[in-house]
Amino acid sequence: MSLHIKGALEGYRRISSKEKWLRIDDTQEWNDEYNPLWEEDALQFLDYYLKDINNGWNLTPRVRAAMTDAGGSNRRGSYNEWPIEHTEYVKLYLDAKRHTLSTNASSFETKAEYNGSTGNTTSSQRSPKTHS
């Protein structure tokens, strides 16, 4: 998670105002700066609050987010809150042997290697001992 998105999410969570909006996009922030769609979005917000123009900004969904699914496809959605209602938090464990995530901790030590100078690095995973 990038520093900017982490800060935006944490800021949104901590702001006590009821008049707050969050937009999570699937592009870099520089694209947002020059994208006419998002520029218009920002101008509508500023017109509403700074110029007192009744332009319907208050009807904008509180949270708009682009989500990437496991297959790499993006979908956009509008939500009333963040975290999104009915979010299910799942604890996942790295499985270096299978190069996957699992809901169960591995019962054995595994190692995956990747040398950074050639495109590979080394890391190992030691699973906690399980008691029978």
N, C-alpha and C. Protein backbone atom coordinates (compact mmCIF):
# COMPACT_ATOMS: atom_id res chain seq x y z
N MET A 1 0.86 -1.17 0.00
CA MET A 1 0.00 0.00 0.00
C MET A 1 0.90 1.23 0.00
N SER A 2 0.66 2.13 -0.90
CA SER A 2 1.52 3.32 -0.99
C SER A 2 1.26 4.25 0.20
N LEU A 3 2.24 5.09 0.45
CA LEU A 3 2.15 6.05 1.53
C LEU A 3 0.96 6.99 1.35
N HIS A 4 0.72 7.42 0.11
CA HIS A 4 -0.37 8.36 -0.14
C HIS A 4 -1.73 7.73 0.14
N ILE A 5 -1.95 6.52 -0.35
CA ILE A 5 -3.27 5.90 -0.13
C ILE A 5 -3.46 5.58 1.34
N LYS A 6 -2.42 5.14 2.01
CA LYS A 6 -2.53 4.85 3.45
C LYS A 6 -2.90 6.11 4.21
N GLY A 7 -2.26 7.23 3.86
CA GLY A 7 -2.56 8.49 4.53
C GLY A 7 -3.98 8.96 4.25
N ALA A 8 -4.43 8.78 3.01
CA ALA A 8 -5.80 9.18 2.65
C ALA A 8 -6.83 8.35 3.42
N LEU A 9 -6.61 7.05 3.49
CA LEU A 9 -7.56 6.18 4.18
C LEU A 9 -7.57 6.47 5.68
N GLU A 10 -6.39 6.64 6.25
CA GLU A 10 -6.31 6.92 7.69
C GLU A 10 -6.89 8.30 7.99
N GLY A 11 -6.62 9.28 7.14
CA GLY A 11 -7.19 10.61 7.32
C GLY A 11 -8.71 10.59 7.27
N TYR A 12 -9.25 9.88 6.29
CA TYR A 12 -10.70 9.79 6.16
C TYR A 12 -11.30 9.13 7.41
N ARG A 13 -10.66 8.10 7.87
CA ARG A 13 -11.17 7.39 9.05
C ARG A 13 -11.17 8.29 10.29
N ARG A 14 -10.16 9.12 10.43
CA ARG A 14 -10.02 9.94 11.64
C ARG A 14 -10.78 11.26 11.61
N ILE A 15 -11.13 11.75 10.43
CA ILE A 15 -11.85 13.03 10.34
C ILE A 15 -13.25 12.85 10.92
N SER A 16 -13.60 13.69 11.87
CA SER A 16 -14.89 13.52 12.56
C SER A 16 -16.06 14.15 11.82
N SER A 17 -15.79 14.99 10.83
CA SER A 17 -16.86 15.67 10.10
C SER A 17 -17.75 14.66 9.36
N LYS A 18 -19.02 14.96 9.30
CA LYS A 18 -19.95 14.14 8.51
C LYS A 18 -19.84 14.50 7.03
N GLU A 19 -19.31 15.68 6.74
CA GLU A 19 -19.16 16.13 5.36
C GLU A 19 -17.75 15.82 4.87
N LYS A 20 -17.56 14.57 4.50
CA LYS A 20 -16.27 14.14 3.99
C LYS A 20 -16.48 13.13 2.88
N TRP A 21 -15.56 13.11 1.94
CA TRP A 21 -15.65 12.24 0.78
C TRP A 21 -14.30 11.57 0.57
N LEU A 22 -14.35 10.39 0.00
CA LEU A 22 -13.13 9.64 -0.29
C LEU A 22 -13.24 9.06 -1.69
N ARG A 23 -12.19 9.28 -2.48
CA ARG A 23 -12.15 8.69 -3.82
C ARG A 23 -10.84 7.92 -3.93
N ILE A 24 -10.95 6.63 -4.18
CA ILE A 24 -9.79 5.77 -4.36
C ILE A 24 -9.78 5.36 -5.82
N ASP A 25 -8.73 5.74 -6.53
CA ASP A 25 -8.68 5.46 -7.95
C ASP A 25 -7.62 4.42 -8.24
N ASP A 26 -7.65 3.89 -9.43
CA ASP A 26 -6.72 2.84 -9.84
C ASP A 26 -5.58 3.39 -10.70
N THR A 27 -5.31 4.68 -10.56
CA THR A 27 -4.24 5.31 -11.32
C THR A 27 -3.29 6.01 -10.36
N GLN A 28 -2.17 6.46 -10.88
CA GLN A 28 -1.22 7.24 -10.08
C GLN A 28 -1.78 8.63 -9.87
N GLU A 29 -1.32 9.29 -8.80
CA GLU A 29 -1.86 10.62 -8.51
C GLU A 29 -1.58 11.64 -9.60
N TRP A 30 -0.49 11.46 -10.35
CA TRP A 30 -0.21 12.42 -11.42
C TRP A 30 -1.26 12.36 -12.51
N ASN A 31 -1.78 11.19 -12.77
CA ASN A 31 -2.87 11.08 -13.75
C ASN A 31 -4.08 11.86 -13.26
N ASP A 32 -4.35 11.80 -11.98
CA ASP A 32 -5.49 12.53 -11.42
C ASP A 32 -5.34 14.03 -11.60
N GLU A 33 -4.13 14.52 -11.46
CA GLU A 33 -3.90 15.96 -11.56
C GLU A 33 -4.29 16.52 -12.93
N TYR A 34 -4.13 15.70 -13.96
CA TYR A 34 -4.34 16.18 -15.32
C TYR A 34 -5.52 15.52 -16.03
N ASN A 35 -6.27 14.72 -15.34
CA ASN A 35 -7.43 14.05 -15.92
C ASN A 35 -8.62 15.01 -15.85
N PRO A 36 -9.19 15.38 -16.98
CA PRO A 36 -10.32 16.34 -16.97
C PRO A 36 -11.49 15.89 -16.10
N LEU A 37 -11.74 14.59 -16.02
CA LEU A 37 -12.83 14.08 -15.19
C LEU A 37 -12.60 14.41 -13.72
N TRP A 38 -11.38 14.15 -13.23
CA TRP A 38 -11.11 14.40 -11.81
C TRP A 38 -10.90 15.88 -11.54
N GLU A 39 -10.44 16.62 -12.54
CA GLU A 39 -10.31 18.06 -12.38
C GLU A 39 -11.71 18.68 -12.19
N GLU A 40 -12.67 18.24 -12.99
CA GLU A 40 -14.05 18.71 -12.87
C GLU A 40 -14.63 18.33 -11.51
N ASP A 41 -14.29 17.14 -11.04
CA ASP A 41 -14.74 16.67 -9.73
C ASP A 41 -14.23 17.60 -8.63
N ALA A 42 -12.96 17.94 -8.68
CA ALA A 42 -12.37 18.83 -7.67
C ALA A 42 -12.98 20.22 -7.75
N LEU A 43 -13.18 20.71 -8.97
CA LEU A 43 -13.77 22.05 -9.13
C LEU A 43 -15.21 22.08 -8.60
N GLN A 44 -15.96 21.02 -8.80
CA GLN A 44 -17.33 20.97 -8.29
C GLN A 44 -17.31 21.03 -6.76
N PHE A 45 -16.40 20.30 -6.13
CA PHE A 45 -16.25 20.32 -4.68
C PHE A 45 -15.91 21.74 -4.19
N LEU A 46 -14.91 22.37 -4.83
CA LEU A 46 -14.49 23.71 -4.43
C LEU A 46 -15.59 24.74 -4.67
N ASP A 47 -16.29 24.65 -5.79
CA ASP A 47 -17.40 25.57 -6.06
C ASP A 47 -18.48 25.45 -4.98
N TYR A 48 -18.77 24.22 -4.58
CA TYR A 48 -19.82 23.98 -3.59
C TYR A 48 -19.45 24.59 -2.24
N TYR A 49 -18.21 24.38 -1.81
CA TYR A 49 -17.82 24.84 -0.48
C TYR A 49 -17.25 26.25 -0.44
N LEU A 50 -16.52 26.67 -1.46
CA LEU A 50 -15.90 27.99 -1.41
C LEU A 50 -16.73 29.10 -2.05
N LYS A 51 -17.52 28.73 -3.05
CA LYS A 51 -18.33 29.74 -3.75
C LYS A 51 -19.81 29.61 -3.42
N ASP A 52 -20.14 28.62 -2.60
CA ASP A 52 -21.52 28.39 -2.18
C ASP A 52 -22.46 28.18 -3.37
N ILE A 53 -21.94 27.48 -4.39
CA ILE A 53 -22.74 27.16 -5.57
C ILE A 53 -23.45 25.83 -5.33
N ASN A 54 -24.75 25.82 -5.41
CA ASN A 54 -25.52 24.60 -5.21
C ASN A 54 -25.48 23.78 -6.50
N ASN A 55 -24.43 22.97 -6.65
CA ASN A 55 -24.21 22.21 -7.87
C ASN A 55 -24.45 20.70 -7.70
N GLY A 56 -25.02 20.32 -6.58
CA GLY A 56 -25.32 18.92 -6.35
C GLY A 56 -24.17 18.11 -5.76
N TRP A 57 -23.08 18.79 -5.40
CA TRP A 57 -21.95 18.06 -4.82
C TRP A 57 -22.38 17.25 -3.60
N ASN A 58 -23.29 17.78 -2.82
CA ASN A 58 -23.75 17.10 -1.61
C ASN A 58 -24.41 15.75 -1.92
N LEU A 59 -24.76 15.49 -3.18
CA LEU A 59 -25.35 14.21 -3.57
C LEU A 59 -24.29 13.21 -4.04
N THR A 60 -23.03 13.64 -4.08
CA THR A 60 -21.94 12.77 -4.48
C THR A 60 -21.79 11.65 -3.46
N PRO A 61 -21.64 10.39 -3.90
CA PRO A 61 -21.44 9.30 -2.94
C PRO A 61 -20.25 9.58 -2.03
N ARG A 62 -20.38 9.25 -0.76
CA ARG A 62 -19.34 9.54 0.22
C ARG A 62 -18.03 8.82 -0.09
N VAL A 63 -18.13 7.63 -0.62
CA VAL A 63 -16.93 6.85 -0.96
C VAL A 63 -17.07 6.33 -2.37
N ARG A 64 -16.09 6.61 -3.19
CA ARG A 64 -16.03 6.07 -4.55
C ARG A 64 -14.69 5.36 -4.67
N ALA A 65 -14.73 4.11 -5.09
CA ALA A 65 -13.48 3.34 -5.09
C ALA A 65 -13.37 2.45 -6.32
N ALA A 66 -12.15 2.35 -6.81
CA ALA A 66 -11.82 1.38 -7.85
C ALA A 66 -11.13 0.22 -7.15
N MET A 67 -11.65 -0.95 -7.33
CA MET A 67 -11.09 -2.15 -6.70
C MET A 67 -10.55 -3.08 -7.78
N THR A 68 -9.43 -3.70 -7.50
CA THR A 68 -8.86 -4.67 -8.42
C THR A 68 -9.13 -6.05 -7.86
N ASP A 69 -9.76 -6.91 -8.66
CA ASP A 69 -10.06 -8.25 -8.17
C ASP A 69 -8.86 -9.17 -8.38
N ALA A 70 -8.96 -10.40 -7.93
CA ALA A 70 -7.85 -11.35 -8.00
C ALA A 70 -7.40 -11.60 -9.44
N GLY A 71 -8.26 -11.41 -10.40
CA GLY A 71 -7.91 -11.61 -11.79
C GLY A 71 -7.26 -10.40 -12.44
N GLY A 72 -7.15 -9.29 -11.69
CA GLY A 72 -6.52 -8.09 -12.23
C GLY A 72 -7.48 -7.13 -12.87
N SER A 73 -8.77 -7.43 -12.84
CA SER A 73 -9.77 -6.53 -13.43
C SER A 73 -10.20 -5.49 -12.41
N ASN A 74 -10.43 -4.28 -12.89
CA ASN A 74 -10.87 -3.21 -12.02
C ASN A 74 -12.37 -3.02 -12.12
N ARG A 75 -12.96 -2.68 -10.99
CA ARG A 75 -14.37 -2.32 -10.98
C ARG A 75 -14.52 -1.11 -10.07
N ARG A 76 -15.42 -0.25 -10.42
CA ARG A 76 -15.66 0.96 -9.63
C ARG A 76 -16.98 0.82 -8.89
N GLY A 77 -17.02 1.38 -7.71
CA GLY A 77 -18.23 1.30 -6.92
C GLY A 77 -18.42 2.55 -6.08
N SER A 78 -19.63 2.76 -5.64
CA SER A 78 -19.97 3.86 -4.74
C SER A 78 -20.46 3.25 -3.44
N TYR A 79 -20.03 3.82 -2.34
CA TYR A 79 -20.34 3.27 -1.03
C TYR A 79 -20.70 4.40 -0.08
N ASN A 80 -21.33 4.04 1.02
CA ASN A 80 -21.74 5.04 2.01
C ASN A 80 -20.72 5.25 3.10
N GLU A 81 -19.76 4.33 3.23
CA GLU A 81 -18.82 4.42 4.34
C GLU A 81 -17.52 3.71 4.00
N TRP A 82 -16.50 3.99 4.82
CA TRP A 82 -15.22 3.30 4.72
C TRP A 82 -14.76 2.98 6.12
N PRO A 83 -14.37 1.76 6.41
CA PRO A 83 -14.36 0.62 5.50
C PRO A 83 -15.76 0.30 4.99
N ILE A 84 -15.79 -0.31 3.83
CA ILE A 84 -17.06 -0.64 3.19
C ILE A 84 -17.86 -1.58 4.08
N GLU A 85 -19.16 -1.30 4.17
CA GLU A 85 -20.05 -2.13 4.97
C GLU A 85 -19.92 -3.60 4.56
N HIS A 86 -19.97 -4.47 5.52
CA HIS A 86 -19.87 -5.93 5.34
C HIS A 86 -18.47 -6.38 4.92
N THR A 87 -17.46 -5.52 5.16
CA THR A 87 -16.09 -5.95 4.90
C THR A 87 -15.75 -7.11 5.82
N GLU A 88 -15.18 -8.14 5.26
CA GLU A 88 -14.74 -9.28 6.05
C GLU A 88 -13.22 -9.30 6.08
N TYR A 89 -12.64 -9.20 7.27
CA TYR A 89 -11.20 -9.22 7.41
C TYR A 89 -10.77 -10.68 7.57
N VAL A 90 -9.81 -11.09 6.79
CA VAL A 90 -9.33 -12.46 6.81
C VAL A 90 -7.83 -12.44 7.05
N LYS A 91 -7.37 -13.16 8.05
CA LYS A 91 -5.94 -13.27 8.31
C LYS A 91 -5.35 -14.25 7.31
N LEU A 92 -4.34 -13.81 6.57
CA LEU A 92 -3.70 -14.65 5.57
C LEU A 92 -2.25 -14.88 5.93
N TYR A 93 -1.75 -16.04 5.57
CA TYR A 93 -0.37 -16.42 5.84
C TYR A 93 0.34 -16.66 4.51
N LEU A 94 1.60 -16.25 4.44
CA LEU A 94 2.40 -16.50 3.25
C LEU A 94 2.83 -17.96 3.22
N ASP A 95 2.76 -18.55 2.05
CA ASP A 95 3.26 -19.90 1.85
C ASP A 95 4.35 -19.79 0.78
N ALA A 96 5.59 -19.73 1.24
CA ALA A 96 6.71 -19.53 0.32
C ALA A 96 6.89 -20.71 -0.63
N LYS A 97 6.55 -21.90 -0.18
CA LYS A 97 6.72 -23.09 -1.02
C LYS A 97 5.78 -23.05 -2.22
N ARG A 98 4.53 -22.66 -2.00
CA ARG A 98 3.53 -22.64 -3.07
C ARG A 98 3.37 -21.26 -3.71
N HIS A 99 4.05 -20.26 -3.15
CA HIS A 99 3.95 -18.87 -3.63
C HIS A 99 2.49 -18.40 -3.60
N THR A 100 1.82 -18.67 -2.49
CA THR A 100 0.41 -18.31 -2.34
C THR A 100 0.16 -17.74 -0.94
N LEU A 101 -1.06 -17.30 -0.74
CA LEU A 101 -1.55 -16.93 0.58
C LEU A 101 -2.54 -17.99 1.01
N SER A 102 -2.59 -18.24 2.31
CA SER A 102 -3.50 -19.26 2.82
C SER A 102 -4.14 -18.77 4.10
N THR A 103 -5.32 -19.27 4.40
CA THR A 103 -5.97 -18.92 5.66
C THR A 103 -5.42 -19.78 6.81
N ASN A 104 -4.61 -20.77 6.47
CA ASN A 104 -3.99 -21.64 7.49
C ASN A 104 -2.49 -21.42 7.50
N ALA A 105 -1.92 -21.31 8.71
CA ALA A 105 -0.47 -21.18 8.83
C ALA A 105 0.18 -22.50 8.45
N SER A 106 1.30 -22.40 7.77
CA SER A 106 2.04 -23.59 7.39
C SER A 106 2.61 -24.25 8.64
N SER A 107 2.68 -25.55 8.64
CA SER A 107 3.22 -26.26 9.80
C SER A 107 4.69 -26.60 9.61
N PHE A 108 5.28 -26.12 8.53
CA PHE A 108 6.69 -26.40 8.27
C PHE A 108 7.38 -25.14 7.75
N GLU A 109 8.69 -25.12 7.88
CA GLU A 109 9.47 -23.98 7.42
C GLU A 109 9.63 -24.04 5.91
N THR A 110 9.45 -22.89 5.26
CA THR A 110 9.60 -22.84 3.81
C THR A 110 10.51 -21.69 3.45
N LYS A 111 11.02 -21.72 2.24
CA LYS A 111 11.94 -20.68 1.79
C LYS A 111 11.69 -20.40 0.32
N ALA A 112 11.70 -19.12 -0.04
CA ALA A 112 11.61 -18.71 -1.44
C ALA A 112 12.80 -17.80 -1.71
N GLU A 113 13.43 -17.95 -2.85
CA GLU A 113 14.61 -17.17 -3.17
C GLU A 113 14.39 -16.30 -4.39
N TYR A 114 15.01 -15.11 -4.35
CA TYR A 114 14.91 -14.15 -5.43
C TYR A 114 16.16 -13.30 -5.39
N ASN A 115 17.03 -13.36 -6.37
CA ASN A 115 18.28 -12.62 -6.39
C ASN A 115 18.02 -11.21 -6.89
N GLY A 116 18.20 -10.20 -6.01
CA GLY A 116 17.90 -8.81 -6.34
C GLY A 116 18.73 -8.26 -7.49
N SER A 117 19.99 -8.68 -7.63
CA SER A 117 20.82 -8.13 -8.69
C SER A 117 20.46 -8.72 -10.05
N THR A 118 19.84 -9.88 -10.03
CA THR A 118 19.46 -10.52 -11.29
C THR A 118 17.94 -10.64 -11.43
N GLY A 119 17.23 -10.00 -10.50
CA GLY A 119 15.78 -10.13 -10.52
C GLY A 119 15.30 -11.16 -9.53
N ASN A 120 16.19 -11.57 -8.63
CA ASN A 120 15.86 -12.59 -7.63
C ASN A 120 16.24 -12.10 -6.24
N THR A 121 15.53 -12.51 -5.22
CA THR A 121 15.86 -12.19 -3.83
C THR A 121 15.64 -13.42 -2.98
N THR A 122 16.08 -13.38 -1.74
CA THR A 122 15.93 -14.53 -0.86
C THR A 122 15.10 -14.13 0.35
N SER A 123 14.15 -14.94 0.68
CA SER A 123 13.40 -14.74 1.91
C SER A 123 13.01 -16.11 2.43
N SER A 124 12.82 -16.19 3.72
CA SER A 124 12.39 -17.47 4.28
C SER A 124 11.24 -17.21 5.23
N GLN A 125 10.48 -18.24 5.43
CA GLN A 125 9.31 -18.15 6.29
C GLN A 125 9.40 -19.28 7.29
N ARG A 126 9.34 -18.95 8.53
CA ARG A 126 9.35 -19.97 9.56
C ARG A 126 7.99 -19.95 10.23
N SER A 127 7.30 -21.03 10.13
CA SER A 127 5.96 -21.11 10.70
C SER A 127 6.06 -21.41 12.19
N PRO A 128 5.12 -20.88 12.96
CA PRO A 128 5.14 -21.18 14.39
C PRO A 128 4.88 -22.66 14.61
N LYS A 129 5.46 -23.17 15.67
CA LYS A 129 5.24 -24.59 15.99
C LYS A 129 3.78 -24.77 16.35
N THR A 130 3.21 -25.82 15.82
CA THR A 130 1.83 -26.12 16.17
C THR A 130 1.82 -27.18 17.26
N HIS A 131 0.90 -27.08 18.16
CA HIS A 131 0.78 -28.03 19.26
C HIS A 131 -0.40 -28.94 19.02
N SER A 132 -0.20 -30.21 19.22
CA SER A 132 -1.29 -31.17 19.02
C SER A 132 -2.13 -31.31 20.27
